Amino acid sequence: MRKIIAATFVSLDGVMQAPGGPEEDPVGGFKFGGWTFHYFDEVAGTAMEELFSKPFALLLGRRTYDIFAAYWPYQKDQIADVFNPAIKYVATHRPDSLTWQNTQSLGPDVVARLKEIKQEDGPDLLIQGSGNLIQTLLAKGLIDEIRLMIFPLLLGKGKRLFGDNAMPAAFRLVKSQASTTGVIMATYERAGEIRTGSFAQQEPSEAELERRRTWK
């Protein structure tokens, strides 16, 4: 089965908007576009090379597709060399306007189509950016792996990686490292359901019992 891998840059407070530059996504008056730029070092660069070293198909929301389609076909570097020939699956209501080579619309039912694609032969599906799409797939339990590059800054406002509708699930950390600039690179794989426990006393105090009654 093909995996869906969500790989994204994120701030400490969960913002993922416009990591690449001021003009990337100023929606909502976002003022900090390009917030990742000064944190990249050799360690982070190597992690990016590793991410793109295995065959993959790109899985993109429409906004990220538009950003990428206006940029990568006009570049000549290692990332462009793998992005441009890769198959791109795009969640869009405007399939006729998809012009980047090897691009396919996911159709009107994105979730159903992705369930089909996951059963087909082919490389894993790599999400870049595409926060709305990530949240949709988390709500359906369809993301198998999350690869985060966590940057040591707070952005306050902006589009966030996680919403309130994710399907509860446990993940396990399978790899982590830190760059010289404090960026934490962490890979998480799905690990079944959430298990709960309790540190509460077997015989709670009257104050604790009252607190529980108050908070119900």
N, C-alpha and C. Protein backbone atom coordinates (compact mmCIF):
# COMPACT_ATOMS: atom_id res chain seq x y z
N MET A 1 0.84 -1.20 0.00
CA MET A 1 0.00 0.00 0.00
C MET A 1 0.87 1.25 0.00
N ARG A 2 0.49 2.23 -0.79
CA ARG A 2 1.23 3.48 -0.83
C ARG A 2 0.92 4.31 0.42
N LYS A 3 1.93 4.96 0.94
CA LYS A 3 1.75 5.80 2.12
C LYS A 3 1.51 7.25 1.71
N ILE A 4 0.78 7.96 2.54
CA ILE A 4 0.67 9.41 2.41
C ILE A 4 1.54 10.03 3.49
N ILE A 5 2.50 10.82 3.05
CA ILE A 5 3.48 11.44 3.95
C ILE A 5 3.28 12.95 3.90
N ALA A 6 3.01 13.55 5.05
CA ALA A 6 2.89 15.01 5.14
C ALA A 6 4.20 15.56 5.65
N ALA A 7 4.88 16.35 4.83
CA ALA A 7 6.16 16.94 5.20
C ALA A 7 6.04 18.45 5.13
N THR A 8 6.31 19.11 6.26
CA THR A 8 6.08 20.55 6.26
C THR A 8 6.98 21.26 7.25
N PHE A 9 7.16 22.56 7.01
CA PHE A 9 7.82 23.45 7.95
C PHE A 9 6.76 24.00 8.90
N VAL A 10 7.13 24.15 10.17
CA VAL A 10 6.15 24.64 11.13
C VAL A 10 6.89 25.42 12.23
N SER A 11 6.24 26.47 12.71
CA SER A 11 6.79 27.23 13.83
C SER A 11 6.44 26.55 15.14
N LEU A 12 6.99 27.04 16.24
CA LEU A 12 6.69 26.45 17.54
C LEU A 12 5.21 26.54 17.89
N ASP A 13 4.54 27.58 17.38
CA ASP A 13 3.11 27.71 17.65
C ASP A 13 2.25 27.17 16.52
N GLY A 14 2.83 26.32 15.68
CA GLY A 14 2.04 25.57 14.72
C GLY A 14 1.72 26.24 13.41
N VAL A 15 2.31 27.42 13.14
CA VAL A 15 2.02 28.12 11.89
C VAL A 15 2.88 27.55 10.77
N MET A 16 2.27 27.37 9.59
CA MET A 16 3.00 26.84 8.44
C MET A 16 2.90 27.75 7.22
N GLN A 17 2.31 28.91 7.38
CA GLN A 17 2.04 29.80 6.24
C GLN A 17 3.31 30.47 5.72
N ALA A 18 3.46 30.47 4.41
CA ALA A 18 4.48 31.25 3.69
C ALA A 18 5.88 31.10 4.26
N PRO A 19 6.41 29.88 4.34
CA PRO A 19 7.77 29.73 4.86
C PRO A 19 8.85 30.21 3.89
N GLY A 20 8.52 30.31 2.59
CA GLY A 20 9.55 30.53 1.60
C GLY A 20 9.85 31.96 1.22
N GLY A 21 8.91 32.88 1.41
CA GLY A 21 9.17 34.25 1.00
C GLY A 21 7.99 35.16 1.24
N PRO A 22 8.20 36.49 1.26
CA PRO A 22 7.15 37.46 1.57
C PRO A 22 5.95 37.41 0.62
N GLU A 23 6.17 37.06 -0.65
CA GLU A 23 5.08 37.06 -1.62
C GLU A 23 4.43 35.70 -1.79
N GLU A 24 4.88 34.72 -1.02
CA GLU A 24 4.38 33.35 -1.20
C GLU A 24 2.90 33.22 -0.86
N ASP A 25 2.50 33.72 0.30
CA ASP A 25 1.11 33.61 0.73
C ASP A 25 0.81 34.70 1.77
N PRO A 26 0.52 35.93 1.32
CA PRO A 26 0.24 37.01 2.26
C PRO A 26 -1.22 37.08 2.71
N VAL A 27 -2.00 36.03 2.40
CA VAL A 27 -3.43 36.02 2.74
C VAL A 27 -3.61 36.29 4.24
N GLY A 28 -4.61 37.11 4.56
CA GLY A 28 -4.89 37.43 5.95
C GLY A 28 -3.95 38.45 6.54
N GLY A 29 -3.17 39.11 5.67
CA GLY A 29 -2.22 40.11 6.16
C GLY A 29 -1.00 39.52 6.83
N PHE A 30 -0.66 38.27 6.48
CA PHE A 30 0.50 37.61 7.09
C PHE A 30 1.78 38.38 6.74
N LYS A 31 2.55 38.73 7.77
CA LYS A 31 3.68 39.65 7.59
C LYS A 31 5.06 38.99 7.65
N PHE A 32 5.10 37.69 7.87
CA PHE A 32 6.40 37.06 8.12
C PHE A 32 6.81 36.05 7.06
N GLY A 33 6.32 36.23 5.83
CA GLY A 33 6.69 35.31 4.76
C GLY A 33 8.20 35.22 4.61
N GLY A 34 8.70 33.99 4.52
CA GLY A 34 10.14 33.77 4.42
C GLY A 34 10.80 33.52 5.76
N TRP A 35 10.00 33.10 6.75
CA TRP A 35 10.51 32.94 8.12
C TRP A 35 11.49 31.79 8.30
N THR A 36 11.60 30.89 7.32
CA THR A 36 12.56 29.78 7.45
C THR A 36 13.95 30.13 6.93
N PHE A 37 14.06 31.19 6.15
CA PHE A 37 15.26 31.45 5.34
C PHE A 37 16.55 31.44 6.15
N HIS A 38 16.60 32.13 7.25
CA HIS A 38 17.85 32.30 7.99
C HIS A 38 18.19 31.11 8.88
N TYR A 39 17.36 30.08 8.87
CA TYR A 39 17.61 28.92 9.72
C TYR A 39 18.20 27.73 8.97
N PHE A 40 18.31 27.82 7.66
CA PHE A 40 18.79 26.68 6.91
C PHE A 40 20.31 26.59 6.99
N ASP A 41 20.78 25.38 7.27
CA ASP A 41 22.21 25.10 7.32
C ASP A 41 22.45 23.79 6.59
N GLU A 42 23.64 23.27 6.69
CA GLU A 42 23.99 22.03 5.97
C GLU A 42 23.16 20.85 6.47
N VAL A 43 22.90 20.81 7.76
CA VAL A 43 22.12 19.69 8.32
C VAL A 43 20.70 19.70 7.77
N ALA A 44 20.07 20.87 7.77
CA ALA A 44 18.71 20.97 7.24
C ALA A 44 18.69 20.68 5.74
N GLY A 45 19.70 21.15 5.03
CA GLY A 45 19.77 20.88 3.60
C GLY A 45 19.89 19.39 3.31
N THR A 46 20.68 18.70 4.10
CA THR A 46 20.83 17.24 3.93
C THR A 46 19.51 16.53 4.20
N ALA A 47 18.76 17.01 5.21
CA ALA A 47 17.46 16.41 5.52
C ALA A 47 16.50 16.59 4.35
N MET A 48 16.55 17.75 3.70
CA MET A 48 15.69 17.98 2.54
C MET A 48 16.09 17.07 1.39
N GLU A 49 17.37 16.90 1.18
CA GLU A 49 17.83 16.01 0.11
C GLU A 49 17.36 14.58 0.37
N GLU A 50 17.42 14.15 1.62
CA GLU A 50 16.96 12.81 1.97
C GLU A 50 15.47 12.64 1.70
N LEU A 51 14.69 13.68 2.02
CA LEU A 51 13.25 13.61 1.80
C LEU A 51 12.91 13.35 0.34
N PHE A 52 13.67 13.96 -0.55
CA PHE A 52 13.38 13.85 -1.98
C PHE A 52 14.23 12.79 -2.69
N SER A 53 14.95 11.98 -1.92
CA SER A 53 15.87 11.02 -2.53
C SER A 53 15.17 9.77 -3.05
N LYS A 54 14.00 9.45 -2.49
CA LYS A 54 13.26 8.26 -2.93
C LYS A 54 12.14 8.68 -3.88
N PRO A 55 11.73 7.78 -4.77
CA PRO A 55 10.63 8.11 -5.69
C PRO A 55 9.37 8.52 -4.93
N PHE A 56 8.65 9.51 -5.45
CA PHE A 56 7.43 9.97 -4.81
C PHE A 56 6.53 10.62 -5.86
N ALA A 57 5.25 10.70 -5.52
CA ALA A 57 4.31 11.53 -6.26
C ALA A 57 3.93 12.67 -5.34
N LEU A 58 3.75 13.85 -5.88
CA LEU A 58 3.35 15.00 -5.06
C LEU A 58 1.84 15.01 -4.86
N LEU A 59 1.43 15.34 -3.67
CA LEU A 59 0.02 15.47 -3.33
C LEU A 59 -0.17 16.89 -2.81
N LEU A 60 -0.97 17.69 -3.53
CA LEU A 60 -1.02 19.13 -3.26
C LEU A 60 -2.44 19.66 -3.18
N GLY A 61 -2.63 20.62 -2.29
CA GLY A 61 -3.83 21.44 -2.32
C GLY A 61 -3.70 22.46 -3.43
N ARG A 62 -4.81 23.12 -3.76
CA ARG A 62 -4.78 24.02 -4.93
C ARG A 62 -3.87 25.23 -4.72
N ARG A 63 -3.88 25.82 -3.53
CA ARG A 63 -3.04 26.99 -3.31
C ARG A 63 -1.56 26.64 -3.44
N THR A 64 -1.15 25.54 -2.83
CA THR A 64 0.25 25.14 -2.94
C THR A 64 0.59 24.76 -4.38
N TYR A 65 -0.33 24.11 -5.06
CA TYR A 65 -0.10 23.81 -6.47
C TYR A 65 0.18 25.09 -7.26
N ASP A 66 -0.62 26.11 -7.06
CA ASP A 66 -0.44 27.36 -7.80
C ASP A 66 0.92 27.99 -7.49
N ILE A 67 1.34 27.94 -6.23
CA ILE A 67 2.65 28.47 -5.86
C ILE A 67 3.76 27.68 -6.56
N PHE A 68 3.67 26.37 -6.50
CA PHE A 68 4.70 25.51 -7.09
C PHE A 68 4.73 25.62 -8.61
N ALA A 69 3.54 25.63 -9.23
CA ALA A 69 3.46 25.65 -10.69
C ALA A 69 3.99 26.96 -11.28
N ALA A 70 3.97 28.01 -10.48
CA ALA A 70 4.51 29.29 -10.94
C ALA A 70 6.01 29.41 -10.67
N TYR A 71 6.58 28.40 -10.00
CA TYR A 71 7.99 28.50 -9.62
C TYR A 71 8.86 27.36 -10.17
N TRP A 72 8.52 26.12 -9.85
CA TRP A 72 9.42 25.02 -10.13
C TRP A 72 9.65 24.74 -11.62
N PRO A 73 8.69 24.91 -12.50
CA PRO A 73 8.98 24.67 -13.92
C PRO A 73 10.04 25.62 -14.50
N TYR A 74 10.34 26.68 -13.78
CA TYR A 74 11.27 27.69 -14.28
C TYR A 74 12.62 27.64 -13.56
N GLN A 75 12.80 26.59 -12.73
CA GLN A 75 14.05 26.45 -11.99
C GLN A 75 14.89 25.30 -12.55
N LYS A 76 16.17 25.38 -12.31
CA LYS A 76 17.08 24.30 -12.68
C LYS A 76 17.97 24.00 -11.48
N ASP A 77 17.49 23.10 -10.64
CA ASP A 77 18.26 22.66 -9.48
C ASP A 77 17.80 21.26 -9.11
N GLN A 78 18.34 20.73 -8.00
CA GLN A 78 18.06 19.33 -7.64
C GLN A 78 16.59 19.11 -7.31
N ILE A 79 15.96 20.07 -6.66
CA ILE A 79 14.54 19.89 -6.33
C ILE A 79 13.69 19.97 -7.58
N ALA A 80 13.97 20.93 -8.44
CA ALA A 80 13.22 21.03 -9.70
C ALA A 80 13.36 19.76 -10.52
N ASP A 81 14.53 19.15 -10.46
CA ASP A 81 14.78 17.93 -11.24
C ASP A 81 13.90 16.76 -10.80
N VAL A 82 13.43 16.77 -9.54
CA VAL A 82 12.54 15.69 -9.10
C VAL A 82 11.08 16.13 -9.07
N PHE A 83 10.83 17.42 -8.81
CA PHE A 83 9.45 17.90 -8.78
C PHE A 83 8.81 17.92 -10.16
N ASN A 84 9.52 18.43 -11.14
CA ASN A 84 8.91 18.62 -12.46
C ASN A 84 8.46 17.32 -13.12
N PRO A 85 9.26 16.25 -13.12
CA PRO A 85 8.78 15.02 -13.76
C PRO A 85 7.83 14.19 -12.90
N ALA A 86 7.75 14.48 -11.60
CA ALA A 86 6.89 13.67 -10.72
C ALA A 86 5.42 13.84 -11.08
N ILE A 87 4.65 12.80 -10.82
CA ILE A 87 3.20 12.92 -10.94
C ILE A 87 2.70 13.79 -9.80
N LYS A 88 1.77 14.71 -10.12
CA LYS A 88 1.17 15.56 -9.11
C LYS A 88 -0.32 15.28 -9.03
N TYR A 89 -0.81 14.97 -7.85
CA TYR A 89 -2.24 14.81 -7.61
C TYR A 89 -2.70 16.07 -6.88
N VAL A 90 -3.73 16.72 -7.40
CA VAL A 90 -4.13 18.03 -6.87
C VAL A 90 -5.61 18.02 -6.49
N ALA A 91 -5.90 18.53 -5.30
CA ALA A 91 -7.27 18.75 -4.88
C ALA A 91 -7.71 20.11 -5.40
N THR A 92 -8.64 20.12 -6.35
CA THR A 92 -9.03 21.37 -6.99
C THR A 92 -10.44 21.29 -7.54
N HIS A 93 -11.11 22.44 -7.58
CA HIS A 93 -12.41 22.55 -8.23
C HIS A 93 -12.25 23.07 -9.66
N ARG A 94 -11.01 23.32 -10.08
CA ARG A 94 -10.75 23.88 -11.40
C ARG A 94 -9.75 23.01 -12.16
N PRO A 95 -10.12 21.77 -12.47
CA PRO A 95 -9.16 20.85 -13.09
C PRO A 95 -8.67 21.31 -14.46
N ASP A 96 -9.48 22.07 -15.18
CA ASP A 96 -9.08 22.49 -16.52
C ASP A 96 -7.92 23.48 -16.51
N SER A 97 -7.62 24.06 -15.34
CA SER A 97 -6.55 25.06 -15.27
C SER A 97 -5.23 24.50 -14.77
N LEU A 98 -5.13 23.19 -14.67
CA LEU A 98 -3.89 22.56 -14.23
C LEU A 98 -2.94 22.44 -15.42
N THR A 99 -1.85 23.20 -15.38
CA THR A 99 -0.95 23.27 -16.55
C THR A 99 0.42 22.65 -16.31
N TRP A 100 0.80 22.41 -15.08
CA TRP A 100 2.12 21.84 -14.79
C TRP A 100 2.17 20.41 -15.28
N GLN A 101 3.26 20.02 -15.88
CA GLN A 101 3.36 18.70 -16.49
C GLN A 101 3.07 17.59 -15.47
N ASN A 102 2.45 16.52 -15.96
CA ASN A 102 2.17 15.32 -15.17
C ASN A 102 1.25 15.59 -13.98
N THR A 103 0.29 16.50 -14.15
CA THR A 103 -0.63 16.84 -13.08
C THR A 103 -2.00 16.23 -13.32
N GLN A 104 -2.57 15.66 -12.25
CA GLN A 104 -3.90 15.07 -12.32
C GLN A 104 -4.79 15.64 -11.22
N SER A 105 -6.02 15.93 -11.55
CA SER A 105 -7.00 16.33 -10.55
C SER A 105 -7.47 15.11 -9.77
N LEU A 106 -7.72 15.31 -8.47
CA LEU A 106 -8.25 14.22 -7.64
C LEU A 106 -9.76 14.07 -7.79
N GLY A 107 -10.38 14.97 -8.55
CA GLY A 107 -11.80 14.85 -8.80
C GLY A 107 -12.65 15.41 -7.68
N PRO A 108 -13.96 15.24 -7.77
CA PRO A 108 -14.88 15.86 -6.81
C PRO A 108 -14.83 15.25 -5.41
N ASP A 109 -14.45 13.99 -5.29
CA ASP A 109 -14.37 13.33 -3.98
C ASP A 109 -12.90 12.99 -3.70
N VAL A 110 -12.20 13.94 -3.10
CA VAL A 110 -10.76 13.81 -2.88
C VAL A 110 -10.44 12.61 -1.99
N VAL A 111 -11.18 12.43 -0.93
CA VAL A 111 -10.91 11.36 0.02
C VAL A 111 -11.09 9.99 -0.64
N ALA A 112 -12.19 9.81 -1.36
CA ALA A 112 -12.45 8.53 -2.02
C ALA A 112 -11.37 8.23 -3.05
N ARG A 113 -10.96 9.24 -3.82
CA ARG A 113 -9.93 9.02 -4.83
C ARG A 113 -8.60 8.65 -4.20
N LEU A 114 -8.26 9.30 -3.10
CA LEU A 114 -6.99 8.99 -2.45
C LEU A 114 -7.00 7.59 -1.85
N LYS A 115 -8.13 7.15 -1.37
CA LYS A 115 -8.21 5.77 -0.88
C LYS A 115 -7.93 4.79 -2.01
N GLU A 116 -8.41 5.11 -3.21
CA GLU A 116 -8.14 4.26 -4.36
C GLU A 116 -6.66 4.29 -4.73
N ILE A 117 -6.10 5.49 -4.77
CA ILE A 117 -4.69 5.64 -5.17
C ILE A 117 -3.77 4.91 -4.20
N LYS A 118 -4.10 4.95 -2.91
CA LYS A 118 -3.26 4.27 -1.93
C LYS A 118 -3.18 2.77 -2.18
N GLN A 119 -4.21 2.21 -2.80
CA GLN A 119 -4.24 0.78 -3.08
C GLN A 119 -3.52 0.42 -4.38
N GLU A 120 -3.20 1.42 -5.18
CA GLU A 120 -2.55 1.18 -6.47
C GLU A 120 -1.05 1.01 -6.31
N ASP A 121 -0.42 0.46 -7.33
CA ASP A 121 1.04 0.39 -7.34
C ASP A 121 1.61 1.78 -7.63
N GLY A 122 2.73 2.08 -7.03
CA GLY A 122 3.37 3.36 -7.28
C GLY A 122 4.10 3.87 -6.06
N PRO A 123 4.77 4.99 -6.20
CA PRO A 123 5.53 5.55 -5.08
C PRO A 123 4.62 6.16 -4.03
N ASP A 124 5.19 6.45 -2.87
CA ASP A 124 4.43 7.11 -1.82
C ASP A 124 3.99 8.50 -2.27
N LEU A 125 2.97 9.02 -1.60
CA LEU A 125 2.40 10.33 -1.92
C LEU A 125 2.93 11.34 -0.91
N LEU A 126 3.64 12.34 -1.38
CA LEU A 126 4.30 13.31 -0.52
C LEU A 126 3.57 14.64 -0.57
N ILE A 127 3.02 15.05 0.58
CA ILE A 127 2.36 16.35 0.67
C ILE A 127 3.39 17.41 1.00
N GLN A 128 3.34 18.51 0.27
CA GLN A 128 4.15 19.69 0.56
C GLN A 128 3.19 20.85 0.79
N GLY A 129 3.42 21.63 1.85
CA GLY A 129 2.48 22.71 2.14
C GLY A 129 1.07 22.16 2.32
N SER A 130 0.09 22.81 1.66
CA SER A 130 -1.27 22.26 1.54
C SER A 130 -1.93 22.02 2.89
N GLY A 131 -1.95 23.05 3.73
CA GLY A 131 -2.49 22.90 5.08
C GLY A 131 -3.94 22.44 5.12
N ASN A 132 -4.80 22.99 4.27
CA ASN A 132 -6.21 22.58 4.27
C ASN A 132 -6.36 21.11 3.90
N LEU A 133 -5.58 20.67 2.92
CA LEU A 133 -5.62 19.27 2.51
C LEU A 133 -5.14 18.37 3.65
N ILE A 134 -4.07 18.77 4.32
CA ILE A 134 -3.56 17.98 5.44
C ILE A 134 -4.64 17.82 6.51
N GLN A 135 -5.32 18.92 6.84
CA GLN A 135 -6.35 18.84 7.87
C GLN A 135 -7.50 17.94 7.45
N THR A 136 -7.87 17.99 6.17
CA THR A 136 -8.92 17.10 5.66
C THR A 136 -8.52 15.64 5.81
N LEU A 137 -7.28 15.33 5.46
CA LEU A 137 -6.82 13.94 5.51
C LEU A 137 -6.59 13.47 6.94
N LEU A 138 -6.16 14.36 7.82
CA LEU A 138 -6.04 13.99 9.23
C LEU A 138 -7.41 13.66 9.82
N ALA A 139 -8.42 14.39 9.39
CA ALA A 139 -9.77 14.12 9.89
C ALA A 139 -10.27 12.76 9.45
N LYS A 140 -9.75 12.25 8.34
CA LYS A 140 -10.16 10.94 7.82
C LYS A 140 -9.16 9.84 8.17
N GLY A 141 -8.12 10.17 8.89
CA GLY A 141 -7.13 9.17 9.28
C GLY A 141 -6.31 8.63 8.14
N LEU A 142 -6.07 9.45 7.12
CA LEU A 142 -5.40 8.95 5.91
C LEU A 142 -3.91 9.27 5.84
N ILE A 143 -3.39 10.04 6.77
CA ILE A 143 -1.96 10.36 6.73
C ILE A 143 -1.20 9.33 7.56
N ASP A 144 -0.24 8.69 6.92
CA ASP A 144 0.51 7.60 7.54
C ASP A 144 1.77 8.07 8.25
N GLU A 145 2.32 9.16 7.78
CA GLU A 145 3.61 9.62 8.32
C GLU A 145 3.64 11.15 8.29
N ILE A 146 4.19 11.74 9.33
CA ILE A 146 4.33 13.20 9.41
C ILE A 146 5.79 13.53 9.61
N ARG A 147 6.33 14.33 8.71
CA ARG A 147 7.72 14.77 8.83
C ARG A 147 7.74 16.28 9.03
N LEU A 148 8.17 16.69 10.19
CA LEU A 148 8.15 18.10 10.55
C LEU A 148 9.56 18.66 10.62
N MET A 149 9.70 19.90 10.16
CA MET A 149 10.87 20.69 10.47
C MET A 149 10.36 21.84 11.35
N ILE A 150 10.69 21.77 12.63
CA ILE A 150 10.13 22.68 13.62
C ILE A 150 11.13 23.80 13.88
N PHE A 151 10.72 25.02 13.57
CA PHE A 151 11.62 26.17 13.64
C PHE A 151 11.45 26.91 14.96
N PRO A 152 12.54 27.38 15.54
CA PRO A 152 12.49 27.97 16.88
C PRO A 152 12.03 29.43 16.88
N LEU A 153 10.78 29.62 16.54
CA LEU A 153 10.21 30.97 16.58
C LEU A 153 8.70 30.88 16.72
N LEU A 154 8.10 31.97 17.22
CA LEU A 154 6.66 32.10 17.34
C LEU A 154 6.17 33.11 16.33
N LEU A 155 5.16 32.75 15.56
CA LEU A 155 4.64 33.65 14.53
C LEU A 155 3.32 34.30 14.91
N GLY A 156 2.69 33.82 15.95
CA GLY A 156 1.45 34.44 16.41
C GLY A 156 0.27 34.07 15.54
N LYS A 157 0.03 34.84 14.49
CA LYS A 157 -1.08 34.58 13.59
C LYS A 157 -0.58 33.89 12.32
N GLY A 158 -1.50 33.22 11.65
CA GLY A 158 -1.16 32.56 10.40
C GLY A 158 -1.87 31.23 10.27
N LYS A 159 -1.81 30.66 9.09
CA LYS A 159 -2.43 29.36 8.84
C LYS A 159 -1.67 28.28 9.60
N ARG A 160 -2.42 27.45 10.30
CA ARG A 160 -1.80 26.46 11.17
C ARG A 160 -1.90 25.05 10.60
N LEU A 161 -0.94 24.23 11.02
CA LEU A 161 -0.87 22.86 10.53
C LEU A 161 -2.04 22.03 11.05
N PHE A 162 -2.31 22.10 12.33
CA PHE A 162 -3.33 21.25 12.93
C PHE A 162 -4.57 22.05 13.30
N GLY A 163 -5.74 21.52 12.93
CA GLY A 163 -7.00 22.11 13.34
C GLY A 163 -7.60 21.30 14.48
N ASP A 164 -8.90 21.41 14.65
CA ASP A 164 -9.59 20.72 15.75
C ASP A 164 -10.25 19.42 15.33
N ASN A 165 -10.14 19.06 14.05
CA ASN A 165 -10.93 17.93 13.55
C ASN A 165 -10.11 16.68 13.23
N ALA A 166 -8.86 16.64 13.66
CA ALA A 166 -8.05 15.46 13.36
C ALA A 166 -8.62 14.23 14.05
N MET A 167 -8.59 13.10 13.35
CA MET A 167 -9.00 11.84 13.97
C MET A 167 -7.96 11.46 15.02
N PRO A 168 -8.38 11.24 16.26
CA PRO A 168 -7.40 10.88 17.30
C PRO A 168 -6.59 9.65 16.91
N ALA A 169 -5.29 9.72 17.08
CA ALA A 169 -4.41 8.61 16.72
C ALA A 169 -3.07 8.80 17.42
N ALA A 170 -2.40 7.70 17.69
CA ALA A 170 -1.05 7.76 18.25
C ALA A 170 -0.03 7.70 17.12
N PHE A 171 1.08 8.39 17.31
CA PHE A 171 2.20 8.32 16.39
C PHE A 171 3.46 8.02 17.20
N ARG A 172 4.43 7.40 16.57
CA ARG A 172 5.70 7.15 17.25
C ARG A 172 6.82 7.88 16.51
N LEU A 173 7.75 8.40 17.28
CA LEU A 173 8.90 9.08 16.71
C LEU A 173 9.89 8.05 16.21
N VAL A 174 10.20 8.08 14.91
CA VAL A 174 11.12 7.09 14.34
C VAL A 174 12.47 7.69 13.97
N LYS A 175 12.54 9.03 13.92
CA LYS A 175 13.82 9.66 13.61
C LYS A 175 13.76 11.12 14.04
N SER A 176 14.86 11.62 14.58
CA SER A 176 14.92 13.04 14.92
C SER A 176 16.36 13.51 14.91
N GLN A 177 16.55 14.77 14.62
CA GLN A 177 17.85 15.41 14.70
C GLN A 177 17.63 16.91 14.76
N ALA A 178 18.67 17.64 15.13
CA ALA A 178 18.58 19.08 15.23
C ALA A 178 19.67 19.73 14.39
N SER A 179 19.35 20.85 13.79
CA SER A 179 20.33 21.60 13.01
C SER A 179 21.14 22.50 13.93
N THR A 180 22.16 23.12 13.38
CA THR A 180 22.98 24.04 14.17
C THR A 180 22.24 25.32 14.52
N THR A 181 21.12 25.58 13.83
CA THR A 181 20.33 26.79 14.09
C THR A 181 19.12 26.52 14.98
N GLY A 182 19.00 25.29 15.48
CA GLY A 182 17.91 24.97 16.39
C GLY A 182 16.67 24.42 15.75
N VAL A 183 16.72 24.08 14.47
CA VAL A 183 15.58 23.46 13.81
C VAL A 183 15.55 21.97 14.17
N ILE A 184 14.42 21.50 14.65
CA ILE A 184 14.25 20.09 14.98
C ILE A 184 13.55 19.39 13.82
N MET A 185 14.16 18.34 13.33
CA MET A 185 13.59 17.55 12.23
C MET A 185 13.12 16.23 12.81
N ALA A 186 11.81 15.98 12.75
CA ALA A 186 11.24 14.81 13.41
C ALA A 186 10.30 14.07 12.47
N THR A 187 10.44 12.76 12.43
CA THR A 187 9.59 11.91 11.61
C THR A 187 8.73 11.03 12.51
N TYR A 188 7.43 11.08 12.29
CA TYR A 188 6.48 10.32 13.09
C TYR A 188 5.69 9.37 12.18
N GLU A 189 5.52 8.14 12.64
CA GLU A 189 4.71 7.17 11.93
C GLU A 189 3.48 6.81 12.76
N ARG A 190 2.38 6.55 12.06
CA ARG A 190 1.14 6.18 12.75
C ARG A 190 1.36 4.92 13.58
N ALA A 191 0.81 4.93 14.80
CA ALA A 191 1.06 3.83 15.74
C ALA A 191 -0.20 3.42 16.48
N GLY A 192 -1.31 3.31 15.75
CA GLY A 192 -2.52 2.79 16.35
C GLY A 192 -3.33 3.82 17.11
N GLU A 193 -4.13 3.34 18.04
CA GLU A 193 -5.05 4.20 18.77
C GLU A 193 -4.37 4.82 19.99
N ILE A 194 -4.99 5.86 20.52
CA ILE A 194 -4.48 6.51 21.72
C ILE A 194 -4.81 5.66 22.95
N ARG A 195 -3.82 5.48 23.80
CA ARG A 195 -4.03 4.78 25.06
C ARG A 195 -4.01 5.80 26.19
N THR A 196 -4.94 5.67 27.11
CA THR A 196 -5.00 6.61 28.23
C THR A 196 -4.72 5.88 29.55
N GLY A 197 -4.37 6.65 30.55
CA GLY A 197 -4.13 6.14 31.90
C GLY A 197 -4.43 7.25 32.88
N SER A 198 -4.05 7.07 34.12
CA SER A 198 -4.34 8.09 35.12
C SER A 198 -3.29 8.10 36.22
N PHE A 199 -2.87 9.30 36.60
CA PHE A 199 -1.99 9.50 37.74
C PHE A 199 -2.79 9.87 39.00
N ALA A 200 -4.10 9.82 38.91
CA ALA A 200 -4.94 10.23 40.03
C ALA A 200 -4.83 9.24 41.19
N GLN A 201 -5.06 9.72 42.38
CA GLN A 201 -5.08 8.86 43.56
C GLN A 201 -6.26 7.90 43.51
N GLN A 202 -6.06 6.71 44.05
CA GLN A 202 -7.17 5.75 44.08
C GLN A 202 -8.31 6.26 44.94
N GLU A 203 -8.01 7.00 45.97
CA GLU A 203 -9.03 7.58 46.82
C GLU A 203 -8.88 9.10 46.77
N PRO A 204 -9.57 9.75 45.85
CA PRO A 204 -9.42 11.20 45.69
C PRO A 204 -9.92 11.95 46.92
N SER A 205 -9.33 13.13 47.12
CA SER A 205 -9.72 13.98 48.23
C SER A 205 -11.10 14.57 47.98
N GLU A 206 -11.71 15.13 49.04
CA GLU A 206 -12.99 15.80 48.90
C GLU A 206 -12.87 16.99 47.96
N ALA A 207 -11.73 17.68 48.02
CA ALA A 207 -11.50 18.82 47.12
C ALA A 207 -11.47 18.36 45.66
N GLU A 208 -10.84 17.21 45.44
CA GLU A 208 -10.78 16.69 44.08
C GLU A 208 -12.17 16.26 43.60
N LEU A 209 -12.93 15.63 44.45
CA LEU A 209 -14.29 15.23 44.07
C LEU A 209 -15.15 16.44 43.75
N GLU A 210 -14.98 17.50 44.52
CA GLU A 210 -15.73 18.72 44.26
C GLU A 210 -15.30 19.35 42.94
N ARG A 211 -14.00 19.32 42.67
CA ARG A 211 -13.50 19.85 41.39
C ARG A 211 -14.11 19.11 40.22
N ARG A 212 -14.19 17.80 40.32
CA ARG A 212 -14.77 16.99 39.25
C ARG A 212 -16.24 17.33 39.04
N ARG A 213 -16.96 17.50 40.13
CA ARG A 213 -18.37 17.86 39.99
C ARG A 213 -18.53 19.22 39.34
N THR A 214 -17.66 20.15 39.69
CA THR A 214 -17.73 21.51 39.13
C THR A 214 -17.42 21.53 37.66
N TRP A 215 -16.48 20.68 37.26
CA TRP A 215 -16.00 20.72 35.86
C TRP A 215 -16.82 19.87 34.91
N LYS A 216 -17.79 19.15 35.40
CA LYS A 216 -18.59 18.31 34.52
C LYS A 216 -19.42 19.18 33.57
